Protein backbone atom coordinates (compact mmCIF):
# COMPACT_ATOMS: atom_id res chain seq x y z
CA MET A 1 -0.04 -0.04 0.02
CA VAL A 2 1.31 3.40 -1.00
CA ARG A 3 1.49 5.94 1.99
CA PHE A 4 2.49 9.58 1.84
CA LYS A 5 4.06 11.80 4.28
CA LEU A 6 3.95 15.70 4.22
CA ILE A 7 7.22 17.33 3.25
CA ARG A 8 6.29 20.74 2.57
CA ASP A 9 3.34 22.84 3.67
CA ASP A 10 2.94 26.56 3.03
CA ASP A 11 0.15 28.98 2.21
CA SER A 12 -0.33 28.16 -1.38
CA GLU A 13 1.34 24.73 -1.78
CA GLY A 14 1.71 21.38 -0.20
CA MET A 15 3.75 18.24 -1.15
CA TRP A 16 3.47 14.70 0.11
CA ILE A 17 6.07 11.84 -0.90
CA SER A 18 5.47 8.21 -0.72
CA GLN A 19 7.91 5.53 0.55
CA ARG A 20 10.45 4.12 -1.50
CA LEU A 21 8.86 1.79 -4.10
CA ASN A 22 10.50 -0.49 -6.79
CA ASN A 23 9.22 -1.64 -10.02
CA GLY A 24 11.64 -4.52 -10.33
CA ASP A 25 14.29 -2.38 -12.17
CA PHE A 26 14.77 0.62 -10.11
CA ASP A 27 13.47 2.50 -7.02
CA TYR A 28 10.91 5.37 -7.54
CA TRP A 29 8.79 7.70 -5.28
CA MET A 30 5.19 9.16 -5.88
CA THR A 31 4.49 12.62 -4.84
CA ILE A 32 1.25 14.51 -4.37
CA ASP A 33 1.40 18.21 -4.99
CA ALA A 34 -1.50 20.42 -4.15
CA LYS A 35 -1.40 24.15 -5.36
CA TYR A 36 -3.90 26.92 -4.35
CA LEU A 37 -4.20 28.31 -7.92
CA PRO A 38 -5.17 31.88 -7.25
CA GLU A 39 -1.76 32.37 -5.78
CA PHE A 40 -0.11 31.21 -8.97
CA VAL A 41 -2.38 32.42 -11.75
CA GLY A 42 -4.91 34.72 -10.18
CA GLU A 43 -8.47 34.17 -9.32
CA GLY A 44 -10.12 34.55 -12.69
CA GLU A 45 -7.72 32.11 -14.33
CA ALA A 46 -8.23 29.62 -11.53
CA ARG A 47 -11.95 29.75 -12.18
CA ALA A 48 -11.32 29.16 -15.90
CA LEU A 49 -9.16 26.04 -14.98
CA GLY A 50 -11.81 24.55 -13.07
CA GLY A 51 -11.33 25.49 -9.45
CA ASN A 52 -9.09 26.86 -6.70
CA HIS A 53 -6.93 23.74 -6.25
CA LEU A 54 -4.89 21.81 -8.49
CA VAL A 55 -3.67 18.37 -7.40
CA THR A 56 -1.04 16.31 -9.31
CA LEU A 57 0.14 12.77 -8.75
CA SER A 58 3.77 12.14 -10.24
CA VAL A 59 6.33 9.51 -10.27
CA VAL A 60 10.06 10.45 -9.72
CA ALA A 61 13.04 8.20 -10.02
CA PRO A 62 16.39 9.90 -9.25
CA SER A 63 18.44 6.88 -10.46
CA GLU A 64 16.71 7.14 -13.98
CA ALA A 65 17.17 10.95 -13.98
CA GLY A 66 20.82 10.59 -13.17
CA ILE A 67 23.35 13.03 -11.73
CA ALA A 68 23.37 15.38 -14.55
CA LYS A 69 19.44 16.15 -14.35
CA LEU A 70 19.98 16.48 -10.66
CA GLU A 71 22.76 18.95 -11.05
CA ASP A 72 20.54 20.89 -13.47
CA ALA A 73 17.59 20.87 -10.90
CA ALA A 74 19.83 21.89 -8.16
CA GLU A 75 21.18 24.74 -10.35
CA THR A 76 17.84 25.78 -11.37
CA HIS A 77 17.10 26.23 -7.51
CA GLY A 78 20.32 28.22 -7.01
CA ILE A 79 21.90 25.26 -4.99
CA ASP A 80 25.71 25.05 -6.06
CA LEU A 81 26.94 21.58 -5.04
CA GLU A 82 29.63 19.30 -6.28
CA ARG A 83 28.68 15.96 -7.58
CA SER A 84 29.77 14.06 -4.54
CA ALA A 85 27.46 16.28 -2.33
CA LEU A 86 24.49 15.94 -4.47
CA LYS A 87 24.84 12.13 -4.31
CA ARG A 88 24.72 12.39 -0.53
CA LEU A 89 21.43 14.49 -0.41
CA SER A 90 18.39 12.59 1.13
CA ASP A 91 16.02 10.92 -1.31
CA GLU A 92 13.50 13.34 -0.31
CA VAL A 93 15.45 16.31 -1.23
CA LYS A 94 16.46 14.76 -4.53
CA VAL A 95 12.86 13.78 -5.27
CA ASP A 96 11.49 17.25 -4.43
CA LEU A 97 14.27 18.84 -6.74
CA LEU A 98 13.51 16.67 -9.61
CA VAL A 99 9.67 17.19 -9.28
CA THR A 100 9.89 21.00 -9.25
CA TYR A 101 12.65 20.85 -12.10
CA GLY A 102 10.10 18.83 -14.27
CA ALA A 103 11.70 15.34 -14.27
CA ALA A 104 8.56 13.70 -12.99
CA ALA A 105 5.95 11.79 -14.88
CA THR A 106 2.47 13.08 -14.09
CA MET A 107 0.02 10.11 -13.42
CA PHE A 108 -3.08 12.05 -12.42
CA HIS A 109 -3.99 15.87 -12.31
CA LYS A 110 -7.34 17.41 -11.55
CA THR A 111 -8.72 20.73 -10.68
CA GLY A 112 -11.54 21.55 -8.29
CA ASN A 113 -12.67 23.53 -5.28
CA ASN A 114 -12.70 20.59 -2.77
CA LEU A 115 -8.99 20.04 -1.84
CA ARG A 116 -10.06 17.11 0.49
CA LYS A 117 -11.76 15.32 -2.26
CA LEU A 118 -8.95 16.03 -4.85
CA LEU A 119 -6.23 14.51 -2.32
CA LYS A 120 -8.44 11.32 -1.86
CA GLU A 121 -8.70 10.82 -5.42
CA ALA A 122 -4.87 11.23 -5.81
CA ARG A 123 -4.13 8.77 -3.05
CA GLU A 124 -6.68 6.22 -4.59
CA GLU A 125 -4.98 6.72 -7.85
CA SER A 126 -1.53 6.07 -6.35
CA GLN A 127 -2.78 2.61 -5.39
CA LYS A 128 -3.60 1.83 -9.01
CA VAL A 129 -0.34 3.38 -10.30
CA GLU A 130 1.49 1.01 -8.13
CA GLY A 131 -0.35 -2.08 -9.38
CA LEU A 132 -0.31 -1.20 -12.99
CA PHE A 133 3.20 0.87 -13.08
CA ARG A 134 4.22 -0.25 -16.42
CA PHE A 135 0.99 0.62 -18.13
CA TYR A 136 0.88 4.00 -16.56
CA MET A 137 4.47 4.78 -17.57
CA ASP A 138 3.69 3.72 -21.25
CA ARG A 139 1.15 6.51 -21.48
CA PRO A 140 2.34 9.50 -23.64
CA GLN A 141 2.93 12.63 -21.33
CA ASN A 142 3.01 15.33 -24.00
CA ARG A 143 2.08 15.95 -27.62
CA VAL A 144 5.31 14.84 -29.14
CA GLY A 145 4.79 11.36 -27.63
CA ALA A 146 7.14 11.36 -24.76
CA THR A 147 6.05 8.62 -22.07
CA GLY A 148 6.58 8.60 -18.61
CA TRP A 149 9.74 6.54 -18.95
CA ASP A 150 11.14 9.50 -21.07
CA ILE A 151 9.91 12.07 -18.67
CA ILE A 152 11.56 10.62 -15.43
CA LYS A 153 14.79 10.87 -17.23
CA GLY A 154 14.18 14.46 -17.74
CA GLU A 155 13.60 14.09 -21.53
CA LEU A 156 10.68 15.71 -23.20
CA TRP A 157 11.36 14.08 -26.48
CA PRO A 158 10.50 10.19 -27.06
CA GLY A 159 13.53 8.01 -27.06
CA GLY A 160 15.74 10.50 -25.20
CA ARG A 161 16.19 13.08 -27.95
CA SER A 162 17.06 16.57 -26.60
């Protein structure tokens, strides 16, 4: 069973991370990110998007992203560490850096006004993702056809093209 713990909580955003999971080939984590949309896009745009809250369930695999993408993610956040120091970061920090960088495959996202309901739906979806991991990862993540396998490596093009 996938369980989540809160790792970030502020006025406009919360993030939960699962325990370490494994698909048989590598370890991965799931995250649930909840954003209060009016803080990010304004009230009018939030209404147009379907509600005040956006909840996203993602899959992140630091080993698949690799140290170069982790370096890029850290640099984007203004963190200047040598590779050896990056490797020693906790799994939670690596996952958080990669999610905010965009090296995370989206498994579920939904907007609405009832945050509790959206979070419950994301947790329910996480159970399905764990059981059908390869099927979820095979789904296209963008219009050019990159799958979840590509995205967790930080690649936006299918097959790793840059």
